[in-house]
Amino acid sequence: MEIRSVSNDPLITNTNQNKKVEADVQLPQDPKDKIEISAEGRTMATNELSSERLKQIQNKINSNFYNSNEVLGKVADKILSEIQK
């Protein structure tokens, strides 16, 4: 089997049967991820969190608090409000 280089219209050729088969290949997009950190987030990053606060956060993560319907609903509402601006 012969495999030719990837292009917008890639072809795979089976030399034993002399048949060409089109391959459905999607090339990866150039990702343009972006992150924005709020003023509150920057403040939190520059200040040390107390060990008690860190324990609270860890307990919420371990108890799947952030995966609850209530929290997910709030996140979805916030995303929607940002999109509609």
PDB file of N, CA and C in Angstrom:
ATOM      1  N   MET A   1       0.848  -1.176   0.000  1.00  0.00           N
ATOM      2  CA  MET A   1       0.000   0.000   0.000  1.00  0.00           C
ATOM      3  C   MET A   1       0.891   1.236   0.000  1.00  0.00           C
ATOM      4  N   GLU A   2       0.551   2.206  -0.793  1.00  0.00           N
ATOM      5  CA  GLU A   2       1.293   3.456  -0.878  1.00  0.00           C
ATOM      6  C   GLU A   2       0.430   4.562  -0.308  1.00  0.00           C
ATOM      7  N   ILE A   3       1.006   5.361   0.587  1.00  0.00           N
ATOM      8  CA  ILE A   3       0.274   6.491   1.159  1.00  0.00           C
ATOM      9  C   ILE A   3       0.979   7.755   0.715  1.00  0.00           C
ATOM     10  N   ARG A   4       0.241   8.607   0.054  1.00  0.00           N
ATOM     11  CA  ARG A   4       0.810   9.860  -0.442  1.00  0.00           C
ATOM     12  C   ARG A   4       0.708  10.928   0.634  1.00  0.00           C
ATOM     13  N   SER A   5       1.416  12.020   0.437  1.00  0.00           N
ATOM     14  CA  SER A   5       1.430  13.088   1.422  1.00  0.00           C
ATOM     15  C   SER A   5       0.036  13.672   1.635  1.00  0.00           C
ATOM     16  N   VAL A   6      -0.169  14.233   2.817  1.00  0.00           N
ATOM     17  CA  VAL A   6      -1.458  14.816   3.178  1.00  0.00           C
ATOM     18  C   VAL A   6      -1.630  16.141   2.457  1.00  0.00           C
ATOM     19  N   SER A   7      -2.810  16.332   1.877  1.00  0.00           N
ATOM     20  CA  SER A   7      -3.147  17.593   1.228  1.00  0.00           C
ATOM     21  C   SER A   7      -4.623  17.850   1.468  1.00  0.00           C
ATOM     22  N   ASN A   8      -5.166  18.872   0.841  1.00  0.00           N
ATOM     23  CA  ASN A   8      -6.593  19.143   0.965  1.00  0.00           C
ATOM     24  C   ASN A   8      -7.437  18.039   0.357  1.00  0.00           C
ATOM     25  N   ASP A   9      -6.893  17.279  -0.575  1.00  0.00           N
ATOM     26  CA  ASP A   9      -7.602  16.197  -1.239  1.00  0.00           C
ATOM     27  C   ASP A   9      -6.736  14.939  -1.174  1.00  0.00           C
ATOM     28  N   PRO A  10      -6.567  14.375   0.051  1.00  0.00           N
ATOM     29  CA  PRO A  10      -5.636  13.249   0.177  1.00  0.00           C
ATOM     30  C   PRO A  10      -6.164  11.991  -0.509  1.00  0.00           C
ATOM     31  N   LEU A  11      -5.242  11.214  -1.041  1.00  0.00           N
ATOM     32  CA  LEU A  11      -5.582   9.952  -1.684  1.00  0.00           C
ATOM     33  C   LEU A  11      -4.727   8.857  -1.074  1.00  0.00           C
ATOM     34  N   ILE A  12      -5.334   7.696  -0.893  1.00  0.00           N
ATOM     35  CA  ILE A  12      -4.589   6.520  -0.472  1.00  0.00           C
ATOM     36  C   ILE A  12      -4.669   5.541  -1.631  1.00  0.00           C
ATOM     37  N   THR A  13      -3.523   5.052  -2.074  1.00  0.00           N
ATOM     38  CA  THR A  13      -3.507   4.148  -3.216  1.00  0.00           C
ATOM     39  C   THR A  13      -3.082   2.769  -2.755  1.00  0.00           C
ATOM     40  N   ASN A  14      -3.869   1.789  -3.093  1.00  0.00           N
ATOM     41  CA  ASN A  14      -3.524   0.401  -2.836  1.00  0.00           C
ATOM     42  C   ASN A  14      -2.855  -0.113  -4.098  1.00  0.00           C
ATOM     43  N   THR A  15      -1.531  -0.292  -4.061  1.00  0.00           N
ATOM     44  CA  THR A  15      -0.801  -0.672  -5.267  1.00  0.00           C
ATOM     45  C   THR A  15      -1.125  -2.087  -5.719  1.00  0.00           C
ATOM     46  N   ASN A  16      -1.608  -2.922  -4.803  1.00  0.00           N
ATOM     47  CA  ASN A  16      -1.951  -4.296  -5.181  1.00  0.00           C
ATOM     48  C   ASN A  16      -3.169  -4.339  -6.086  1.00  0.00           C
ATOM     49  N   GLN A  17      -4.113  -3.445  -5.872  1.00  0.00           N
ATOM     50  CA  GLN A  17      -5.347  -3.467  -6.646  1.00  0.00           C
ATOM     51  C   GLN A  17      -5.463  -2.277  -7.589  1.00  0.00           C
ATOM     52  N   ASN A  18      -4.493  -1.360  -7.541  1.00  0.00           N
ATOM     53  CA  ASN A  18      -4.496  -0.161  -8.365  1.00  0.00           C
ATOM     54  C   ASN A  18      -5.797   0.628  -8.247  1.00  0.00           C
ATOM     55  N   LYS A  19      -6.340   0.695  -7.046  1.00  0.00           N
ATOM     56  CA  LYS A  19      -7.552   1.470  -6.801  1.00  0.00           C
ATOM     57  C   LYS A  19      -7.196   2.659  -5.924  1.00  0.00           C
ATOM     58  N   LYS A  20      -7.830   3.802  -6.211  1.00  0.00           N
ATOM     59  CA  LYS A  20      -7.630   4.988  -5.391  1.00  0.00           C
ATOM     60  C   LYS A  20      -8.834   5.135  -4.467  1.00  0.00           C
ATOM     61  N   VAL A  21      -8.558   5.417  -3.221  1.00  0.00           N
ATOM     62  CA  VAL A  21      -9.611   5.575  -2.226  1.00  0.00           C
ATOM     63  C   VAL A  21      -9.447   6.951  -1.605  1.00  0.00           C
ATOM     64  N   GLU A  22     -10.511   7.742  -1.609  1.00  0.00           N
ATOM     65  CA  GLU A  22     -10.450   9.048  -0.975  1.00  0.00           C
ATOM     66  C   GLU A  22     -10.509   8.893   0.523  1.00  0.00           C
ATOM     67  N   ALA A  23      -9.660   9.593   1.218  1.00  0.00           N
ATOM     68  CA  ALA A  23      -9.653   9.558   2.676  1.00  0.00           C
ATOM     69  C   ALA A  23     -10.291  10.839   3.195  1.00  0.00           C
ATOM     70  N   ASP A  24     -11.148  10.707   4.174  1.00  0.00           N
ATOM     71  CA  ASP A  24     -11.798  11.860   4.794  1.00  0.00           C
ATOM     72  C   ASP A  24     -10.923  12.308   5.954  1.00  0.00           C
ATOM     73  N   VAL A  25     -10.013  13.232   5.677  1.00  0.00           N
ATOM     74  CA  VAL A  25      -9.063  13.690   6.674  1.00  0.00           C
ATOM     75  C   VAL A  25      -9.315  15.165   6.951  1.00  0.00           C
ATOM     76  N   GLN A  26      -9.423  15.495   8.230  1.00  0.00           N
ATOM     77  CA  GLN A  26      -9.562  16.899   8.600  1.00  0.00           C
ATOM     78  C   GLN A  26      -8.265  17.352   9.248  1.00  0.00           C
ATOM     79  N   LEU A  27      -7.678  18.389   8.696  1.00  0.00           N
ATOM     80  CA  LEU A  27      -6.457  18.916   9.249  1.00  0.00           C
ATOM     81  C   LEU A  27      -6.779  19.755  10.482  1.00  0.00           C
ATOM     82  N   PRO A  28      -5.925  19.702  11.505  1.00  0.00           N
ATOM     83  CA  PRO A  28      -6.212  20.467  12.727  1.00  0.00           C
ATOM     84  C   PRO A  28      -6.205  21.969  12.455  1.00  0.00           C
ATOM     85  N   GLN A  29      -7.128  22.649  13.109  1.00  0.00           N
ATOM     86  CA  GLN A  29      -7.191  24.104  12.986  1.00  0.00           C
ATOM     87  C   GLN A  29      -6.104  24.725  13.854  1.00  0.00           C
ATOM     88  N   ASP A  30      -5.686  25.891  13.502  1.00  0.00           N
ATOM     89  CA  ASP A  30      -4.717  26.626  14.301  1.00  0.00           C
ATOM     90  C   ASP A  30      -5.456  27.170  15.526  1.00  0.00           C
ATOM     91  N   PRO A  31      -5.249  26.597  16.711  1.00  0.00           N
ATOM     92  CA  PRO A  31      -6.030  27.024  17.877  1.00  0.00           C
ATOM     93  C   PRO A  31      -5.696  28.450  18.297  1.00  0.00           C
ATOM     94  N   LYS A  32      -6.711  29.157  18.694  1.00  0.00           N
ATOM     95  CA  LYS A  32      -6.545  30.537  19.130  1.00  0.00           C
ATOM     96  C   LYS A  32      -7.183  30.694  20.509  1.00  0.00           C
ATOM     97  N   ASP A  33      -6.776  29.834  21.456  1.00  0.00           N
ATOM     98  CA  ASP A  33      -7.326  29.903  22.796  1.00  0.00           C
ATOM     99  C   ASP A  33      -6.895  31.195  23.475  1.00  0.00           C
ATOM    100  N   LYS A  34      -7.751  31.666  24.351  1.00  0.00           N
ATOM    101  CA  LYS A  34      -7.488  32.918  25.031  1.00  0.00           C
ATOM    102  C   LYS A  34      -7.999  32.795  26.464  1.00  0.00           C
ATOM    103  N   ILE A  35      -7.306  33.371  27.384  1.00  0.00           N
ATOM    104  CA  ILE A  35      -7.761  33.363  28.767  1.00  0.00           C
ATOM    105  C   ILE A  35      -7.759  34.790  29.296  1.00  0.00           C
ATOM    106  N   GLU A  36      -8.805  35.117  30.018  1.00  0.00           N
ATOM    107  CA  GLU A  36      -8.896  36.423  30.658  1.00  0.00           C
ATOM    108  C   GLU A  36      -9.055  36.193  32.154  1.00  0.00           C
ATOM    109  N   ILE A  37      -8.253  36.876  32.943  1.00  0.00           N
ATOM    110  CA  ILE A  37      -8.316  36.737  34.392  1.00  0.00           C
ATOM    111  C   ILE A  37      -8.877  38.032  34.962  1.00  0.00           C
ATOM    112  N   SER A  38      -9.936  37.895  35.743  1.00  0.00           N
ATOM    113  CA  SER A  38     -10.588  39.067  36.322  1.00  0.00           C
ATOM    114  C   SER A  38      -9.675  39.718  37.360  1.00  0.00           C
ATOM    115  N   ALA A  39     -10.025  40.937  37.734  1.00  0.00           N
ATOM    116  CA  ALA A  39      -9.266  41.646  38.766  1.00  0.00           C
ATOM    117  C   ALA A  39      -9.282  40.846  40.065  1.00  0.00           C
ATOM    118  N   GLU A  40     -10.436  40.267  40.370  1.00  0.00           N
ATOM    119  CA  GLU A  40     -10.548  39.442  41.580  1.00  0.00           C
ATOM    120  C   GLU A  40      -9.612  38.234  41.495  1.00  0.00           C
ATOM    121  N   GLY A  41      -9.554  37.620  40.327  1.00  0.00           N
ATOM    122  CA  GLY A  41      -8.671  36.482  40.127  1.00  0.00           C
ATOM    123  C   GLY A  41      -7.209  36.858  40.253  1.00  0.00           C
ATOM    124  N   ARG A  42      -6.844  38.014  39.694  1.00  0.00           N
ATOM    125  CA  ARG A  42      -5.458  38.487  39.820  1.00  0.00           C
ATOM    126  C   ARG A  42      -5.113  38.753  41.282  1.00  0.00           C
ATOM    127  N   THR A  43      -6.062  39.334  42.021  1.00  0.00           N
ATOM    128  CA  THR A  43      -5.842  39.599  43.445  1.00  0.00           C
ATOM    129  C   THR A  43      -5.648  38.287  44.201  1.00  0.00           C
ATOM    130  N   MET A  44      -6.492  37.307  43.881  1.00  0.00           N
ATOM    131  CA  MET A  44      -6.368  36.014  44.549  1.00  0.00           C
ATOM    132  C   MET A  44      -5.026  35.363  44.229  1.00  0.00           C
ATOM    133  N   ALA A  45      -4.563  35.532  43.010  1.00  0.00           N
ATOM    134  CA  ALA A  45      -3.301  34.918  42.600  1.00  0.00           C
ATOM    135  C   ALA A  45      -2.119  35.566  43.292  1.00  0.00           C
ATOM    136  N   THR A  46      -2.235  36.839  43.611  1.00  0.00           N
ATOM    137  CA  THR A  46      -1.113  37.535  44.236  1.00  0.00           C
ATOM    138  C   THR A  46      -1.153  37.430  45.753  1.00  0.00           C
ATOM    139  N   ASN A  47      -2.310  37.126  46.310  1.00  0.00           N
ATOM    140  CA  ASN A  47      -2.424  36.948  47.757  1.00  0.00           C
ATOM    141  C   ASN A  47      -2.412  35.462  48.082  1.00  0.00           C
ATOM    142  N   GLU A  48      -1.816  35.139  49.193  1.00  0.00           N
ATOM    143  CA  GLU A  48      -1.804  33.745  49.597  1.00  0.00           C
ATOM    144  C   GLU A  48      -3.152  33.377  50.184  1.00  0.00           C
ATOM    145  N   LEU A  49      -3.694  32.257  49.773  1.00  0.00           N
ATOM    146  CA  LEU A  49      -4.945  31.778  50.350  1.00  0.00           C
ATOM    147  C   LEU A  49      -4.626  31.077  51.669  1.00  0.00           C
ATOM    148  N   SER A  50      -5.522  31.254  52.608  1.00  0.00           N
ATOM    149  CA  SER A  50      -5.308  30.583  53.886  1.00  0.00           C
ATOM    150  C   SER A  50      -5.457  29.080  53.692  1.00  0.00           C
ATOM    151  N   SER A  51      -4.833  28.325  54.566  1.00  0.00           N
ATOM    152  CA  SER A  51      -4.938  26.871  54.458  1.00  0.00           C
ATOM    153  C   SER A  51      -6.381  26.426  54.657  1.00  0.00           C
ATOM    154  N   GLU A  52      -7.150  27.165  55.470  1.00  0.00           N
ATOM    155  CA  GLU A  52      -8.558  26.831  55.673  1.00  0.00           C
ATOM    156  C   GLU A  52      -9.352  27.015  54.377  1.00  0.00           C
ATOM    157  N   ARG A  53      -9.101  28.104  53.663  1.00  0.00           N
ATOM    158  CA  ARG A  53      -9.801  28.360  52.399  1.00  0.00           C
ATOM    159  C   ARG A  53      -9.427  27.305  51.359  1.00  0.00           C
ATOM    160  N   LEU A  54      -8.149  26.940  51.317  1.00  0.00           N
ATOM    161  CA  LEU A  54      -7.710  25.901  50.396  1.00  0.00           C
ATOM    162  C   LEU A  54      -8.398  24.571  50.709  1.00  0.00           C
ATOM    163  N   LYS A  55      -8.576  24.258  51.996  1.00  0.00           N
ATOM    164  CA  LYS A  55      -9.273  23.026  52.390  1.00  0.00           C
ATOM    165  C   LYS A  55     -10.732  23.076  51.949  1.00  0.00           C
ATOM    166  N   GLN A  56     -11.367  24.246  52.075  1.00  0.00           N
ATOM    167  CA  GLN A  56     -12.762  24.400  51.644  1.00  0.00           C
ATOM    168  C   GLN A  56     -12.889  24.141  50.136  1.00  0.00           C
ATOM    169  N   ILE A  57     -11.988  24.731  49.392  1.00  0.00           N
ATOM    170  CA  ILE A  57     -12.010  24.558  47.935  1.00  0.00           C
ATOM    171  C   ILE A  57     -11.771  23.097  47.578  1.00  0.00           C
ATOM    172  N   GLN A  58     -10.794  22.460  48.225  1.00  0.00           N
ATOM    173  CA  GLN A  58     -10.492  21.059  47.944  1.00  0.00           C
ATOM    174  C   GLN A  58     -11.686  20.172  48.289  1.00  0.00           C
ATOM    175  N   ASN A  59     -12.367  20.453  49.388  1.00  0.00           N
ATOM    176  CA  ASN A  59     -13.547  19.680  49.773  1.00  0.00           C
ATOM    177  C   ASN A  59     -14.664  19.823  48.743  1.00  0.00           C
ATOM    178  N   LYS A  60     -14.846  21.043  48.210  1.00  0.00           N
ATOM    179  CA  LYS A  60     -15.865  21.256  47.175  1.00  0.00           C
ATOM    180  C   LYS A  60     -15.524  20.480  45.912  1.00  0.00           C
ATOM    181  N   ILE A  61     -14.267  20.472  45.550  1.00  0.00           N
ATOM    182  CA  ILE A  61     -13.840  19.721  44.371  1.00  0.00           C
ATOM    183  C   ILE A  61     -14.073  18.227  44.593  1.00  0.00           C
ATOM    184  N   ASN A  62     -13.660  17.723  45.746  1.00  0.00           N
ATOM    185  CA  ASN A  62     -13.793  16.292  46.047  1.00  0.00           C
ATOM    186  C   ASN A  62     -15.253  15.851  46.141  1.00  0.00           C
ATOM    187  N   SER A  63     -16.137  16.747  46.560  1.00  0.00           N
ATOM    188  CA  SER A  63     -17.554  16.386  46.694  1.00  0.00           C
ATOM    189  C   SER A  63     -18.339  16.645  45.410  1.00  0.00           C
ATOM    190  N   ASN A  64     -17.638  16.996  44.328  1.00  0.00           N
ATOM    191  CA  ASN A  64     -18.275  17.289  43.029  1.00  0.00           C
ATOM    192  C   ASN A  64     -19.249  18.460  43.101  1.00  0.00           C
ATOM    193  N   PHE A  65     -19.017  19.366  44.025  1.00  0.00           N
ATOM    194  CA  PHE A  65     -19.865  20.553  44.166  1.00  0.00           C
ATOM    195  C   PHE A  65     -19.937  21.317  42.853  1.00  0.00           C
ATOM    196  N   TYR A  66     -18.807  21.456  42.184  1.00  0.00           N
ATOM    197  CA  TYR A  66     -18.763  22.248  40.960  1.00  0.00           C
ATOM    198  C   TYR A  66     -19.428  21.539  39.780  1.00  0.00           C
ATOM    199  N   ASN A  67     -19.757  20.268  39.942  1.00  0.00           N
ATOM    200  CA  ASN A  67     -20.473  19.521  38.902  1.00  0.00           C
ATOM    201  C   ASN A  67     -21.967  19.440  39.192  1.00  0.00           C
ATOM    202  N   SER A  68     -22.423  20.107  40.225  1.00  0.00           N
ATOM    203  CA  SER A  68     -23.845  20.062  40.575  1.00  0.00           C
ATOM    204  C   SER A  68     -24.656  20.858  39.555  1.00  0.00           C
ATOM    205  N   ASN A  69     -25.929  20.507  39.431  1.00  0.00           N
ATOM    206  CA  ASN A  69     -26.808  21.209  38.484  1.00  0.00           C
ATOM    207  C   ASN A  69     -26.906  22.695  38.818  1.00  0.00           C
ATOM    208  N   GLU A  70     -26.897  23.019  40.095  1.00  0.00           N
ATOM    209  CA  GLU A  70     -26.999  24.429  40.515  1.00  0.00           C
ATOM    210  C   GLU A  70     -25.797  25.233  39.996  1.00  0.00           C
ATOM    211  N   VAL A  71     -24.611  24.718  40.233  1.00  0.00           N
ATOM    212  CA  VAL A  71     -23.400  25.436  39.807  1.00  0.00           C
ATOM    213  C   VAL A  71     -23.302  25.459  38.285  1.00  0.00           C
ATOM    214  N   LEU A  72     -23.559  24.328  37.645  1.00  0.00           N
ATOM    215  CA  LEU A  72     -23.495  24.278  36.183  1.00  0.00           C
ATOM    216  C   LEU A  72     -24.521  25.225  35.558  1.00  0.00           C
ATOM    217  N   GLY A  73     -25.693  25.330  36.175  1.00  0.00           N
ATOM    218  CA  GLY A  73     -26.713  26.261  35.690  1.00  0.00           C
ATOM    219  C   GLY A  73     -26.252  27.704  35.787  1.00  0.00           C
ATOM    220  N   LYS A  74     -25.605  28.047  36.907  1.00  0.00           N
ATOM    221  CA  LYS A  74     -25.092  29.412  37.076  1.00  0.00           C
ATOM    222  C   LYS A  74     -24.011  29.720  36.040  1.00  0.00           C
ATOM    223  N   VAL A  75     -23.145  28.752  35.793  1.00  0.00           N
ATOM    224  CA  VAL A  75     -22.085  28.949  34.796  1.00  0.00           C
ATOM    225  C   VAL A  75     -22.702  29.126  33.416  1.00  0.00           C
ATOM    226  N   ALA A  76     -23.684  28.276  33.072  1.00  0.00           N
ATOM    227  CA  ALA A  76     -24.345  28.378  31.774  1.00  0.00           C
ATOM    228  C   ALA A  76     -25.047  29.718  31.621  1.00  0.00           C
ATOM    229  N   ASP A  77     -25.722  30.179  32.689  1.00  0.00           N
ATOM    230  CA  ASP A  77     -26.389  31.483  32.638  1.00  0.00           C
ATOM    231  C   ASP A  77     -25.392  32.608  32.413  1.00  0.00           C
ATOM    232  N   LYS A  78     -24.256  32.531  33.079  1.00  0.00           N
ATOM    233  CA  LYS A  78     -23.226  33.563  32.935  1.00  0.00           C
ATOM    234  C   LYS A  78     -22.663  33.570  31.512  1.00  0.00           C
ATOM    235  N   ILE A  79     -22.412  32.389  30.975  1.00  0.00           N
ATOM    236  CA  ILE A  79     -21.911  32.291  29.606  1.00  0.00           C
ATOM    237  C   ILE A  79     -22.919  32.871  28.630  1.00  0.00           C
ATOM    238  N   LEU A  80     -24.194  32.524  28.813  1.00  0.00           N
ATOM    239  CA  LEU A  80     -25.240  33.044  27.945  1.00  0.00           C
ATOM    240  C   LEU A  80     -25.322  34.556  28.009  1.00  0.00           C
ATOM    241  N   SER A  81     -25.245  35.108  29.223  1.00  0.00           N
ATOM    242  CA  SER A  81     -25.327  36.564  29.350  1.00  0.00           C
ATOM    243  C   SER A  81     -24.152  37.252  28.674  1.00  0.00           C
ATOM    244  N   GLU A  82     -22.970  36.616  28.706  1.00  0.00           N
ATOM    245  CA  GLU A  82     -21.789  37.181  28.047  1.00  0.00           C
ATOM    246  C   GLU A  82     -21.942  37.118  26.522  1.00  0.00           C
ATOM    247  N   ILE A  83     -22.517  36.032  26.035  1.00  0.00           N
ATOM    248  CA  ILE A  83     -22.691  35.860  24.585  1.00  0.00           C
ATOM    249  C   ILE A  83     -23.698  36.863  24.045  1.00  0.00           C
ATOM    250  N   GLN A  84     -24.721  37.161  24.819  1.00  0.00           N
ATOM    251  CA  GLN A  84     -25.800  38.030  24.357  1.00  0.00           C
ATOM    252  C   GLN A  84     -25.449  39.500  24.436  1.00  0.00           C
ATOM    253  N   LYS A  85     -24.290  39.844  24.956  1.00  0.00           N
ATOM    254  CA  LYS A  85     -23.897  41.259  25.056  1.00  0.00           C
ATOM    255  C   LYS A  85     -23.571  41.822  23.706  1.00  0.00           C
TER     256      LYS A  85
END
